[in-house]
Each structure stands twice: as structure tokens, then as C-alpha cells.
Amino acid sequence: MNLKHTLILILAAIACSTGYAGTIDEVFRHDEITIDLWPDGFPNSNGIDYNDPGIDRSRHLNPQMHVYTVKDERPTKAVILCPGGAYGGLAITHEGYMWRPFFEREKVATIVLAYRLPCDHHDVPASDVYQAMRLVKKHAAEWNIDPDQIGIMGFSAGGHLASTVATHAPADVRPAFQILFYPVISMKDGLTHWWSRRNLLGEKQPQELLTLYSNELQVTKDTPRAYIIHADDDGDVPVLNSVLYYEALQRNRVPSVLYVVPSGGHGFGIKGSFKYHELMLNTLSDWLHTF
């Protein structure tokens, strides 16, 4: 059984258990475009040999992007999705592939990113996102994508990656917008998610890296507009991560919205069992059409 067949079975189980409205055919169709991020070799290493047949494929996916384009009269927005997983895995189903039907209805191209995990090499995940951005821009005309409307979306540790790219990226690969779900933002004690920080920065974490990757401290007027949602009862990533980031965006006059819902815990993604699922989809849809 190959990886995609396994994922189809997983998605079917999730759909049954959560009340997700989409169908498996909507999520996996034959028009997927899969592109290796680094066919000519990696510019940096996390110490993982992706050609090793013994590699743990439940954690280390081949660094690729899975592209789902949208047919429309005009070039469309696109969003690069960065699944979460504490920088130790990728929740690529409900924080990746299952978003495709929603964005297709919104006329937004979906790019699900299987990025390399840091394994204590903090520069690796962001370099994969930058490369994905370059590749989407390179193929923008071919894929009917507006090269000036490519955004990024991240969940949990993937939200930290997305906010890192939003606040650190050079101008040529800076996203046009960011969508953050229950994001890890800060590396500070009492705020951060311990495992995400440990997996990103290693056991010994220099203060300069803790500051560099506390993204609430890195916002500028050039940071892209943001949609943020977080549950008040999140027991893994304190909601203050999103609040402090939103405050920094506001101080720098970056257009942004923050929805703090009363309950939902952590990791709800696009699961239909999330109490505020419809509110989340409706507000995100409205926000996407404001620019």
C-alpha cells in the first residue's frame, strides 16, 4: 500500500468521525501536481538521508509541494500550507490535504508543503518554504496564479514556521498574507510549546536564537496581513502567543484579525467536530475576499 492510499484511508476515518462535509474524491483528485523542492540537492542539511529506505516515513516525508490549481478567468490567489507537528512530524491530513475543497471553492490555489523537519537545524524548514515560494512564482503563469498574491498558512509549529517566514523572509519570497491556526509564536518560557522549541533549536538554546525565533518581537511594517484563530482553552500552545503577535501587528499598522473562540483545544484544523468550524470557515472566507 503506497502513501497516498494510506492517507485516503486515514482521511476516510477522519471524515466519518468528525462530520467533515467534503468527500475523499474532493480531496484527492487526479489533477495534483507534485514537485520536488530540491531535485539538484539540498542547500543545507538536517542530517536526514531521504534516500535511505529505512527512514521513518511517518515523520520524514520527501520534501515536496503538492499543488492544486483553480480554473478561473483571472489569476488566482494561492496559499502554501505548513502542517503542524511540533517540528517533529507533519499533520498533513487535516492541516494539509483536507483544506483543498475549501480553498477551491474560494478560488484559491492550494499548495500542501511537506517540508523538512529541523532536527536541531533551525534554518532548514524556512529554507524549504522559501524554495516553495520561488517555485510557485516561477510557475505562476502556467498555474494561473497571481505571483503577488501567494500567501502562507500554518498550524501550531507550522504556524511558527509560517510566522517566521512572514517576519524574516527577504522581500523576493515574502508572502502576501498569512493565516495562522493556534500558532506557536514565542520561544519564551511560559509561552512557547516546549517540544516545538526543543525540536527547532536543539537542547542548548542560545539566547540570540530564542529572541530571533520569538516572532512577536520580529514584526515590522512590512510583515504581511494576517488572519489568526486560537481557542482560549488550548492546553498545548497558550493563546497569549496569538494575542502578543496580534498586538505587534497592530502596533506596526499591519491589517490583521484575531478570533479567540471559547473552546476547541489544540489541533482542530478543518475537523468538522470543532464547535466553531462554520464560524472559522465563514470568517476566513470573508477575510480572503477583502484584498
C-alpha atoms as a PDB file:
ATOM      1  CA  MET A   1       0.000   0.000   0.000  1.00  0.00           C
ATOM      2  CA  ASN A   2       1.511   3.344  -1.008  1.00  0.00           C
ATOM      3  CA  LEU A   3       1.475   6.581   0.977  1.00  0.00           C
ATOM      4  CA  LYS A   4      -1.470   8.099  -0.883  1.00  0.00           C
ATOM      5  CA  HIS A   5      -3.650   5.003  -0.388  1.00  0.00           C
ATOM      6  CA  THR A   6      -2.784   5.068   3.304  1.00  0.00           C
ATOM      7  CA  LEU A   7      -3.725   8.747   3.516  1.00  0.00           C
ATOM      8  CA  ILE A   8      -7.031   8.076   1.758  1.00  0.00           C
ATOM      9  CA  LEU A   9      -7.922   5.514   4.433  1.00  0.00           C
ATOM     10  CA  ILE A  10      -6.910   7.958   7.174  1.00  0.00           C
ATOM     11  CA  LEU A  11      -8.956  10.745   5.611  1.00  0.00           C
ATOM     12  CA  ALA A  12     -11.959   8.459   5.301  1.00  0.00           C
ATOM     13  CA  ALA A  13     -11.741   7.650   9.010  1.00  0.00           C
ATOM     14  CA  ILE A  14     -11.392  11.321   9.919  1.00  0.00           C
ATOM     15  CA  ALA A  15     -14.353  12.270   7.726  1.00  0.00           C
ATOM     16  CA  CYS A  16     -16.548   9.661   9.399  1.00  0.00           C
ATOM     17  CA  SER A  17     -15.531  10.607  12.921  1.00  0.00           C
ATOM     18  CA  THR A  18     -15.643  14.385  12.575  1.00  0.00           C
ATOM     19  CA  GLY A  19     -18.531  15.100  10.265  1.00  0.00           C
ATOM     20  CA  TYR A  20     -16.279  16.712   7.661  1.00  0.00           C
ATOM     21  CA  ALA A  21     -18.528  17.727   4.767  1.00  0.00           C
ATOM     22  CA  GLY A  22     -16.108  17.163   1.897  1.00  0.00           C
ATOM     23  CA  THR A  23     -15.652  13.881   0.085  1.00  0.00           C
ATOM     24  CA  ILE A  24     -12.473  11.884  -0.422  1.00  0.00           C
ATOM     25  CA  ASP A  25     -12.759  12.488  -4.186  1.00  0.00           C
ATOM     26  CA  GLU A  26     -12.755  16.226  -3.476  1.00  0.00           C
ATOM     27  CA  VAL A  27      -9.549  15.934  -1.505  1.00  0.00           C
ATOM     28  CA  PHE A  28      -7.608  13.558  -3.770  1.00  0.00           C
ATOM     29  CA  ARG A  29      -8.159  14.063  -7.466  1.00  0.00           C
ATOM     30  CA  HIS A  30      -6.037  13.297 -10.472  1.00  0.00           C
ATOM     31  CA  ASP A  31      -5.003  16.888 -11.157  1.00  0.00           C
ATOM     32  CA  GLU A  32      -2.437  17.085  -8.363  1.00  0.00           C
ATOM     33  CA  ILE A  33       0.942  18.471  -9.397  1.00  0.00           C
ATOM     34  CA  THR A  34       3.772  17.137  -7.240  1.00  0.00           C
ATOM     35  CA  ILE A  35       7.135  18.883  -7.377  1.00  0.00           C
ATOM     36  CA  ASP A  36      10.339  18.001  -5.532  1.00  0.00           C
ATOM     37  CA  LEU A  37      11.685  21.052  -3.762  1.00  0.00           C
ATOM     38  CA  TRP A  38      15.369  20.245  -4.235  1.00  0.00           C
ATOM     39  CA  PRO A  39      15.913  17.924  -7.257  1.00  0.00           C
ATOM     40  CA  ASP A  40      19.526  19.088  -7.552  1.00  0.00           C
ATOM     41  CA  GLY A  41      20.379  18.606  -3.883  1.00  0.00           C
ATOM     42  CA  PHE A  42      19.782  20.427  -0.604  1.00  0.00           C
ATOM     43  CA  PRO A  43      21.422  23.779   0.150  1.00  0.00           C
ATOM     44  CA  ASN A  44      21.541  22.789   3.834  1.00  0.00           C
ATOM     45  CA  SER A  45      21.100  19.589   5.819  1.00  0.00           C
ATOM     46  CA  ASN A  46      19.124  18.375   8.803  1.00  0.00           C
ATOM     47  CA  GLY A  47      21.170  15.172   8.926  1.00  0.00           C
ATOM     48  CA  ILE A  48      18.448  13.029   7.346  1.00  0.00           C
ATOM     49  CA  ASP A  49      19.115  10.916   4.233  1.00  0.00           C
ATOM     50  CA  TYR A  50      15.840  10.980   2.324  1.00  0.00           C
ATOM     51  CA  ASN A  51      17.061   8.215   0.001  1.00  0.00           C
ATOM     52  CA  ASP A  52      17.533   5.802   2.899  1.00  0.00           C
ATOM     53  CA  PRO A  53      14.930   3.004   2.551  1.00  0.00           C
ATOM     54  CA  GLY A  54      14.926   2.658   6.351  1.00  0.00           C
ATOM     55  CA  ILE A  55      13.885   6.246   7.011  1.00  0.00           C
ATOM     56  CA  ASP A  56      10.846   6.770   9.239  1.00  0.00           C
ATOM     57  CA  ARG A  57       8.348   7.866   6.596  1.00  0.00           C
ATOM     58  CA  SER A  58       5.706   8.555   9.219  1.00  0.00           C
ATOM     59  CA  ARG A  59       7.837  11.558  10.234  1.00  0.00           C
ATOM     60  CA  HIS A  60      10.209  12.394   7.390  1.00  0.00           C
ATOM     61  CA  LEU A  61       8.277  12.929   4.153  1.00  0.00           C
ATOM     62  CA  ASN A  62      10.105  13.677   0.933  1.00  0.00           C
ATOM     63  CA  PRO A  63      10.405  17.475   0.696  1.00  0.00           C
ATOM     64  CA  GLN A  64       7.796  18.229  -1.934  1.00  0.00           C
ATOM     65  CA  MET A  65       4.904  20.513  -2.650  1.00  0.00           C
ATOM     66  CA  HIS A  66       1.535  19.189  -3.786  1.00  0.00           C
ATOM     67  CA  VAL A  67      -0.198  21.764  -5.950  1.00  0.00           C
ATOM     68  CA  TYR A  68      -3.931  22.027  -6.696  1.00  0.00           C
ATOM     69  CA  THR A  69      -4.712  24.786  -9.153  1.00  0.00           C
ATOM     70  CA  VAL A  70      -8.023  26.557  -9.721  1.00  0.00           C
ATOM     71  CA  LYS A  71      -9.684  27.339 -13.030  1.00  0.00           C
ATOM     72  CA  ASP A  72     -10.792  30.930 -13.212  1.00  0.00           C
ATOM     73  CA  GLU A  73     -10.932  33.777 -15.708  1.00  0.00           C
ATOM     74  CA  ARG A  74      -8.239  35.702 -13.832  1.00  0.00           C
ATOM     75  CA  PRO A  75      -5.104  34.607 -11.989  1.00  0.00           C
ATOM     76  CA  THR A  76      -5.996  33.412  -8.502  1.00  0.00           C
ATOM     77  CA  LYS A  77      -4.558  33.734  -5.036  1.00  0.00           C
ATOM     78  CA  ALA A  78      -2.526  30.790  -3.762  1.00  0.00           C
ATOM     79  CA  VAL A  79      -1.735  29.578  -0.258  1.00  0.00           C
ATOM     80  CA  ILE A  80       1.159  27.393   0.884  1.00  0.00           C
ATOM     81  CA  LEU A  81       0.056  25.198   3.791  1.00  0.00           C
ATOM     82  CA  CYS A  82       2.564  24.263   6.520  1.00  0.00           C
ATOM     83  CA  PRO A  83       1.166  21.464   8.703  1.00  0.00           C
ATOM     84  CA  GLY A  84       1.988  21.316  12.380  1.00  0.00           C
ATOM     85  CA  GLY A  85       3.527  18.534  14.414  1.00  0.00           C
ATOM     86  CA  ALA A  86       5.834  20.168  16.979  1.00  0.00           C
ATOM     87  CA  TYR A  87       8.623  20.278  14.366  1.00  0.00           C
ATOM     88  CA  GLY A  88       8.826  16.513  14.913  1.00  0.00           C
ATOM     89  CA  GLY A  89       6.267  15.338  12.356  1.00  0.00           C
ATOM     90  CA  LEU A  90       3.667  16.661   9.914  1.00  0.00           C
ATOM     91  CA  ALA A  91      -0.102  16.535  10.491  1.00  0.00           C
ATOM     92  CA  ILE A  92      -0.520  16.680   6.735  1.00  0.00           C
ATOM     93  CA  THR A  93      -4.102  15.372   6.569  1.00  0.00           C
ATOM     94  CA  HIS A  94      -6.435  17.741   8.498  1.00  0.00           C
ATOM     95  CA  GLU A  95      -3.815  20.524   8.385  1.00  0.00           C
ATOM     96  CA  GLY A  96      -2.973  19.948   4.739  1.00  0.00           C
ATOM     97  CA  TYR A  97      -4.790  17.908   2.100  1.00  0.00           C
ATOM     98  CA  MET A  98      -8.247  18.248   3.629  1.00  0.00           C
ATOM     99  CA  TRP A  99      -8.178  22.025   3.070  1.00  0.00           C
ATOM    100  CA  ARG A 100      -8.176  21.654  -0.687  1.00  0.00           C
ATOM    101  CA  PRO A 101     -12.009  21.665  -1.206  1.00  0.00           C
ATOM    102  CA  PHE A 102     -12.442  24.815   0.887  1.00  0.00           C
ATOM    103  CA  PHE A 103      -9.799  26.793  -0.949  1.00  0.00           C
ATOM    104  CA  GLU A 104     -11.004  25.543  -4.316  1.00  0.00           C
ATOM    105  CA  ARG A 105     -14.456  26.941  -3.541  1.00  0.00           C
ATOM    106  CA  GLU A 106     -12.794  30.229  -2.607  1.00  0.00           C
ATOM    107  CA  LYS A 107     -10.892  30.267  -5.938  1.00  0.00           C
ATOM    108  CA  VAL A 108      -7.551  29.942  -4.155  1.00  0.00           C
ATOM    109  CA  ALA A 109      -4.888  27.515  -5.363  1.00  0.00           C
ATOM    110  CA  THR A 110      -3.770  25.097  -2.632  1.00  0.00           C
ATOM    111  CA  ILE A 111      -0.136  24.099  -2.147  1.00  0.00           C
ATOM    112  CA  VAL A 112       0.387  21.486   0.576  1.00  0.00           C
ATOM    113  CA  LEU A 113       4.017  21.594   1.686  1.00  0.00           C
ATOM    114  CA  ALA A 114       5.895  18.584   3.007  1.00  0.00           C
ATOM    115  CA  TYR A 115       8.816  20.481   4.490  1.00  0.00           C
ATOM    116  CA  ARG A 116      11.917  19.008   6.101  1.00  0.00           C
ATOM    117  CA  LEU A 117      11.923  18.843   9.879  1.00  0.00           C
ATOM    118  CA  PRO A 118      14.691  20.808  11.593  1.00  0.00           C
ATOM    119  CA  CYS A 119      16.212  18.027  13.720  1.00  0.00           C
ATOM    120  CA  ASP A 120      18.072  20.785  15.608  1.00  0.00           C
ATOM    121  CA  HIS A 121      18.959  22.613  12.339  1.00  0.00           C
ATOM    122  CA  HIS A 122      16.765  25.694  12.717  1.00  0.00           C
ATOM    123  CA  ASP A 123      17.324  27.105   9.215  1.00  0.00           C
ATOM    124  CA  VAL A 124      16.041  24.037   7.320  1.00  0.00           C
ATOM    125  CA  PRO A 125      12.206  24.380   7.444  1.00  0.00           C
ATOM    126  CA  ALA A 126      12.177  28.049   6.402  1.00  0.00           C
ATOM    127  CA  SER A 127      14.548  27.346   3.524  1.00  0.00           C
ATOM    128  CA  ASP A 128      12.024  24.824   2.200  1.00  0.00           C
ATOM    129  CA  VAL A 129       9.228  27.394   2.384  1.00  0.00           C
ATOM    130  CA  TYR A 130      11.362  29.964   0.566  1.00  0.00           C
ATOM    131  CA  GLN A 131      12.055  27.418  -2.156  1.00  0.00           C
ATOM    132  CA  ALA A 132       8.347  26.615  -2.444  1.00  0.00           C
ATOM    133  CA  MET A 133       7.625  30.328  -2.832  1.00  0.00           C
ATOM    134  CA  ARG A 134      10.230  30.603  -5.591  1.00  0.00           C
ATOM    135  CA  LEU A 135       8.784  27.606  -7.430  1.00  0.00           C
ATOM    136  CA  VAL A 136       5.206  28.861  -7.211  1.00  0.00           C
ATOM    137  CA  LYS A 137       6.285  32.243  -8.577  1.00  0.00           C
ATOM    138  CA  LYS A 138       8.254  30.526 -11.347  1.00  0.00           C
ATOM    139  CA  HIS A 139       5.178  28.530 -12.424  1.00  0.00           C
ATOM    140  CA  ALA A 140       2.609  31.243 -11.657  1.00  0.00           C
ATOM    141  CA  ALA A 141       1.587  31.919 -15.253  1.00  0.00           C
ATOM    142  CA  GLU A 142       1.376  28.204 -16.027  1.00  0.00           C
ATOM    143  CA  TRP A 143      -0.772  27.558 -12.958  1.00  0.00           C
ATOM    144  CA  ASN A 144      -2.976  30.660 -13.309  1.00  0.00           C
ATOM    145  CA  ILE A 145      -1.673  32.140 -10.051  1.00  0.00           C
ATOM    146  CA  ASP A 146      -1.148  35.817  -9.304  1.00  0.00           C
ATOM    147  CA  PRO A 147       2.534  35.959  -8.244  1.00  0.00           C
ATOM    148  CA  ASP A 148       1.777  38.926  -5.984  1.00  0.00           C
ATOM    149  CA  GLN A 149      -0.963  37.045  -4.083  1.00  0.00           C
ATOM    150  CA  ILE A 150       0.840  33.991  -2.726  1.00  0.00           C
ATOM    151  CA  GLY A 151       0.224  33.552   0.993  1.00  0.00           C
ATOM    152  CA  ILE A 152       1.211  31.126   3.711  1.00  0.00           C
ATOM    153  CA  MET A 153      -0.856  29.176   6.220  1.00  0.00           C
ATOM    154  CA  GLY A 154       0.444  27.366   9.284  1.00  0.00           C
ATOM    155  CA  PHE A 155      -0.855  25.315  12.171  1.00  0.00           C
ATOM    156  CA  SER A 156       0.765  25.041  15.616  1.00  0.00           C
ATOM    157  CA  ALA A 157       4.514  24.558  14.925  1.00  0.00           C
ATOM    158  CA  GLY A 158       3.648  25.071  11.270  1.00  0.00           C
ATOM    159  CA  GLY A 159       2.181  28.375  12.448  1.00  0.00           C
ATOM    160  CA  HIS A 160       5.545  29.199  13.946  1.00  0.00           C
ATOM    161  CA  LEU A 161       7.151  28.369  10.605  1.00  0.00           C
ATOM    162  CA  ALA A 162       4.591  30.500   8.748  1.00  0.00           C
ATOM    163  CA  SER A 163       5.075  33.449  11.100  1.00  0.00           C
ATOM    164  CA  THR A 164       8.853  33.013  10.855  1.00  0.00           C
ATOM    165  CA  VAL A 165       8.647  33.296   7.084  1.00  0.00           C
ATOM    166  CA  ALA A 166       6.236  36.237   7.390  1.00  0.00           C
ATOM    167  CA  THR A 167       8.629  38.153   9.660  1.00  0.00           C
ATOM    168  CA  HIS A 168      12.060  37.002   8.404  1.00  0.00           C
ATOM    169  CA  ALA A 169      11.731  36.432   4.647  1.00  0.00           C
ATOM    170  CA  PRO A 170      13.637  38.535   2.123  1.00  0.00           C
ATOM    171  CA  ALA A 171      11.350  40.709   0.008  1.00  0.00           C
ATOM    172  CA  ASP A 172      11.522  38.433  -3.044  1.00  0.00           C
ATOM    173  CA  VAL A 173       9.991  35.475  -1.154  1.00  0.00           C
ATOM    174  CA  ARG A 174       7.876  37.319   1.419  1.00  0.00           C
ATOM    175  CA  PRO A 175       4.284  36.017   1.410  1.00  0.00           C
ATOM    176  CA  ALA A 176       1.455  38.394   0.569  1.00  0.00           C
ATOM    177  CA  PHE A 177      -0.630  37.233   3.534  1.00  0.00           C
ATOM    178  CA  GLN A 178      -0.516  34.806   6.454  1.00  0.00           C
ATOM    179  CA  ILE A 179      -3.147  32.540   8.003  1.00  0.00           C
ATOM    180  CA  LEU A 180      -2.279  31.182  11.444  1.00  0.00           C
ATOM    181  CA  PHE A 181      -4.139  28.486  13.380  1.00  0.00           C
ATOM    182  CA  TYR A 182      -3.238  28.097  17.074  1.00  0.00           C
ATOM    183  CA  PRO A 183       0.331  29.117  16.225  1.00  0.00           C
ATOM    184  CA  VAL A 184       3.443  28.753  18.300  1.00  0.00           C
ATOM    185  CA  ILE A 185       4.807  32.299  18.104  1.00  0.00           C
ATOM    186  CA  SER A 186       7.157  32.822  21.017  1.00  0.00           C
ATOM    187  CA  MET A 187      10.205  30.888  22.211  1.00  0.00           C
ATOM    188  CA  LYS A 188       9.943  32.426  25.697  1.00  0.00           C
ATOM    189  CA  ASP A 189       9.490  30.273  28.796  1.00  0.00           C
ATOM    190  CA  GLY A 190       5.865  30.180  29.854  1.00  0.00           C
ATOM    191  CA  LEU A 191       4.647  30.993  26.357  1.00  0.00           C
ATOM    192  CA  THR A 192       6.270  28.580  23.966  1.00  0.00           C
ATOM    193  CA  HIS A 193       5.441  24.969  23.195  1.00  0.00           C
ATOM    194  CA  TRP A 194       8.386  23.151  24.751  1.00  0.00           C
ATOM    195  CA  TRP A 195       8.708  20.340  22.195  1.00  0.00           C
ATOM    196  CA  SER A 196       8.476  22.706  19.224  1.00  0.00           C
ATOM    197  CA  ARG A 197      11.268  24.828  20.695  1.00  0.00           C
ATOM    198  CA  ARG A 198      13.368  21.770  21.515  1.00  0.00           C
ATOM    199  CA  ASN A 199      12.965  20.243  18.048  1.00  0.00           C
ATOM    200  CA  LEU A 200      13.711  23.530  16.301  1.00  0.00           C
ATOM    201  CA  LEU A 201      16.601  24.873  18.345  1.00  0.00           C
ATOM    202  CA  GLY A 202      18.105  21.798  19.973  1.00  0.00           C
ATOM    203  CA  GLU A 203      18.821  21.028  23.597  1.00  0.00           C
ATOM    204  CA  LYS A 204      21.082  24.032  24.130  1.00  0.00           C
ATOM    205  CA  GLN A 205      19.240  27.158  23.001  1.00  0.00           C
ATOM    206  CA  PRO A 206      21.313  30.345  22.757  1.00  0.00           C
ATOM    207  CA  GLN A 207      19.514  33.499  23.818  1.00  0.00           C
ATOM    208  CA  GLU A 208      20.071  35.083  20.406  1.00  0.00           C
ATOM    209  CA  LEU A 209      18.119  32.250  18.746  1.00  0.00           C
ATOM    210  CA  LEU A 210      15.368  32.394  21.353  1.00  0.00           C
ATOM    211  CA  THR A 211      14.974  36.083  20.548  1.00  0.00           C
ATOM    212  CA  LEU A 212      15.297  35.607  16.788  1.00  0.00           C
ATOM    213  CA  TYR A 213      12.530  32.995  16.720  1.00  0.00           C
ATOM    214  CA  SER A 214      10.206  34.799  19.124  1.00  0.00           C
ATOM    215  CA  ASN A 215       8.255  36.194  16.218  1.00  0.00           C
ATOM    216  CA  GLU A 216       6.195  38.632  18.264  1.00  0.00           C
ATOM    217  CA  LEU A 217       9.477  40.548  18.513  1.00  0.00           C
ATOM    218  CA  GLN A 218      10.176  40.434  14.770  1.00  0.00           C
ATOM    219  CA  VAL A 219       7.091  42.157  13.333  1.00  0.00           C
ATOM    220  CA  THR A 220       7.667  45.247  11.163  1.00  0.00           C
ATOM    221  CA  LYS A 221       5.502  47.411   8.953  1.00  0.00           C
ATOM    222  CA  ASP A 222       6.429  45.083   6.058  1.00  0.00           C
ATOM    223  CA  THR A 223       5.004  41.979   7.733  1.00  0.00           C
ATOM    224  CA  PRO A 224       2.059  40.683   5.646  1.00  0.00           C
ATOM    225  CA  ARG A 225      -1.565  40.957   6.712  1.00  0.00           C
ATOM    226  CA  ALA A 226      -2.833  38.184   8.981  1.00  0.00           C
ATOM    227  CA  TYR A 227      -5.834  36.049   9.914  1.00  0.00           C
ATOM    228  CA  ILE A 228      -5.330  34.311  13.281  1.00  0.00           C
ATOM    229  CA  ILE A 229      -7.577  31.895  15.184  1.00  0.00           C
ATOM    230  CA  HIS A 230      -6.921  30.255  18.551  1.00  0.00           C
ATOM    231  CA  ALA A 231      -9.005  28.510  21.211  1.00  0.00           C
ATOM    232  CA  ASP A 232      -8.982  30.051  24.669  1.00  0.00           C
ATOM    233  CA  ASP A 233      -8.724  26.594  26.248  1.00  0.00           C
ATOM    234  CA  ASP A 234      -5.719  25.475  24.195  1.00  0.00           C
ATOM    235  CA  GLY A 235      -3.724  23.402  26.663  1.00  0.00           C
ATOM    236  CA  ASP A 236      -0.680  22.960  24.416  1.00  0.00           C
ATOM    237  CA  VAL A 237       0.035  26.390  22.946  1.00  0.00           C
ATOM    238  CA  PRO A 238      -1.140  29.265  25.175  1.00  0.00           C
ATOM    239  CA  VAL A 239      -3.486  31.657  23.418  1.00  0.00           C
ATOM    240  CA  LEU A 240      -1.205  34.510  24.511  1.00  0.00           C
ATOM    241  CA  ASN A 241       1.051  33.519  21.588  1.00  0.00           C
ATOM    242  CA  SER A 242      -1.595  34.749  19.171  1.00  0.00           C
ATOM    243  CA  VAL A 243      -2.543  37.745  21.318  1.00  0.00           C
ATOM    244  CA  LEU A 244       1.020  39.065  21.529  1.00  0.00           C
ATOM    245  CA  TYR A 245       1.549  38.556  17.800  1.00  0.00           C
ATOM    246  CA  TYR A 246      -1.698  40.362  17.012  1.00  0.00           C
ATOM    247  CA  GLU A 247      -0.682  43.239  19.282  1.00  0.00           C
ATOM    248  CA  ALA A 248       2.662  43.506  17.472  1.00  0.00           C
ATOM    249  CA  LEU A 249       0.880  43.535  14.103  1.00  0.00           C
ATOM    250  CA  GLN A 250      -1.443  46.283  15.312  1.00  0.00           C
ATOM    251  CA  ARG A 251       1.433  48.387  16.648  1.00  0.00           C
ATOM    252  CA  ASN A 252       3.020  48.209  13.202  1.00  0.00           C
ATOM    253  CA  ARG A 253      -0.302  49.001  11.470  1.00  0.00           C
ATOM    254  CA  VAL A 254      -0.413  45.632   9.700  1.00  0.00           C
ATOM    255  CA  PRO A 255      -4.023  44.742   8.749  1.00  0.00           C
ATOM    256  CA  SER A 256      -4.933  41.761  10.889  1.00  0.00           C
ATOM    257  CA  VAL A 257      -7.788  39.936  12.590  1.00  0.00           C
ATOM    258  CA  LEU A 258      -7.713  37.654  15.622  1.00  0.00           C
ATOM    259  CA  TYR A 259     -10.503  35.274  16.614  1.00  0.00           C
ATOM    260  CA  VAL A 260     -10.252  33.770  20.088  1.00  0.00           C
ATOM    261  CA  VAL A 261     -13.003  31.166  20.464  1.00  0.00           C
ATOM    262  CA  PRO A 262     -14.073  29.907  23.895  1.00  0.00           C
ATOM    263  CA  SER A 263     -13.236  26.233  23.330  1.00  0.00           C
ATOM    264  CA  GLY A 264     -11.756  23.817  20.834  1.00  0.00           C
ATOM    265  CA  GLY A 265      -8.463  22.862  22.402  1.00  0.00           C
ATOM    266  CA  HIS A 266      -5.477  22.383  20.149  1.00  0.00           C
ATOM    267  CA  GLY A 267      -5.164  20.951  16.659  1.00  0.00           C
ATOM    268  CA  PHE A 268      -8.717  21.310  15.361  1.00  0.00           C
ATOM    269  CA  GLY A 269      -7.622  22.154  11.820  1.00  0.00           C
ATOM    270  CA  ILE A 270     -10.535  21.600   9.478  1.00  0.00           C
ATOM    271  CA  LYS A 271     -12.183  18.893  11.561  1.00  0.00           C
ATOM    272  CA  GLY A 272     -15.963  19.152  11.459  1.00  0.00           C
ATOM    273  CA  SER A 273     -16.135  18.231  15.132  1.00  0.00           C
ATOM    274  CA  PHE A 274     -14.685  21.637  16.041  1.00  0.00           C
ATOM    275  CA  LYS A 275     -17.595  23.552  17.603  1.00  0.00           C
ATOM    276  CA  TYR A 276     -16.725  26.766  15.739  1.00  0.00           C
ATOM    277  CA  HIS A 277     -15.985  25.072  12.426  1.00  0.00           C
ATOM    278  CA  GLU A 278     -18.554  27.048  10.435  1.00  0.00           C
ATOM    279  CA  LEU A 279     -17.626  30.342  12.068  1.00  0.00           C
ATOM    280  CA  MET A 280     -13.991  29.667  11.245  1.00  0.00           C
ATOM    281  CA  LEU A 281     -14.693  28.857   7.592  1.00  0.00           C
ATOM    282  CA  ASN A 282     -17.049  31.815   7.159  1.00  0.00           C
ATOM    283  CA  THR A 283     -14.721  34.377   8.721  1.00  0.00           C
ATOM    284  CA  LEU A 284     -11.742  33.042   6.784  1.00  0.00           C
ATOM    285  CA  SER A 285     -13.755  33.173   3.549  1.00  0.00           C
ATOM    286  CA  ASP A 286     -14.812  36.765   4.226  1.00  0.00           C
ATOM    287  CA  TRP A 287     -11.238  37.775   5.076  1.00  0.00           C
ATOM    288  CA  LEU A 288      -9.802  36.215   1.923  1.00  0.00           C
ATOM    289  CA  HIS A 289     -12.090  38.361  -0.201  1.00  0.00           C
ATOM    290  CA  THR A 290     -11.198  41.677   1.450  1.00  0.00           C
ATOM    291  CA  PHE A 291      -7.979  42.142  -0.521  1.00  0.00           C
END
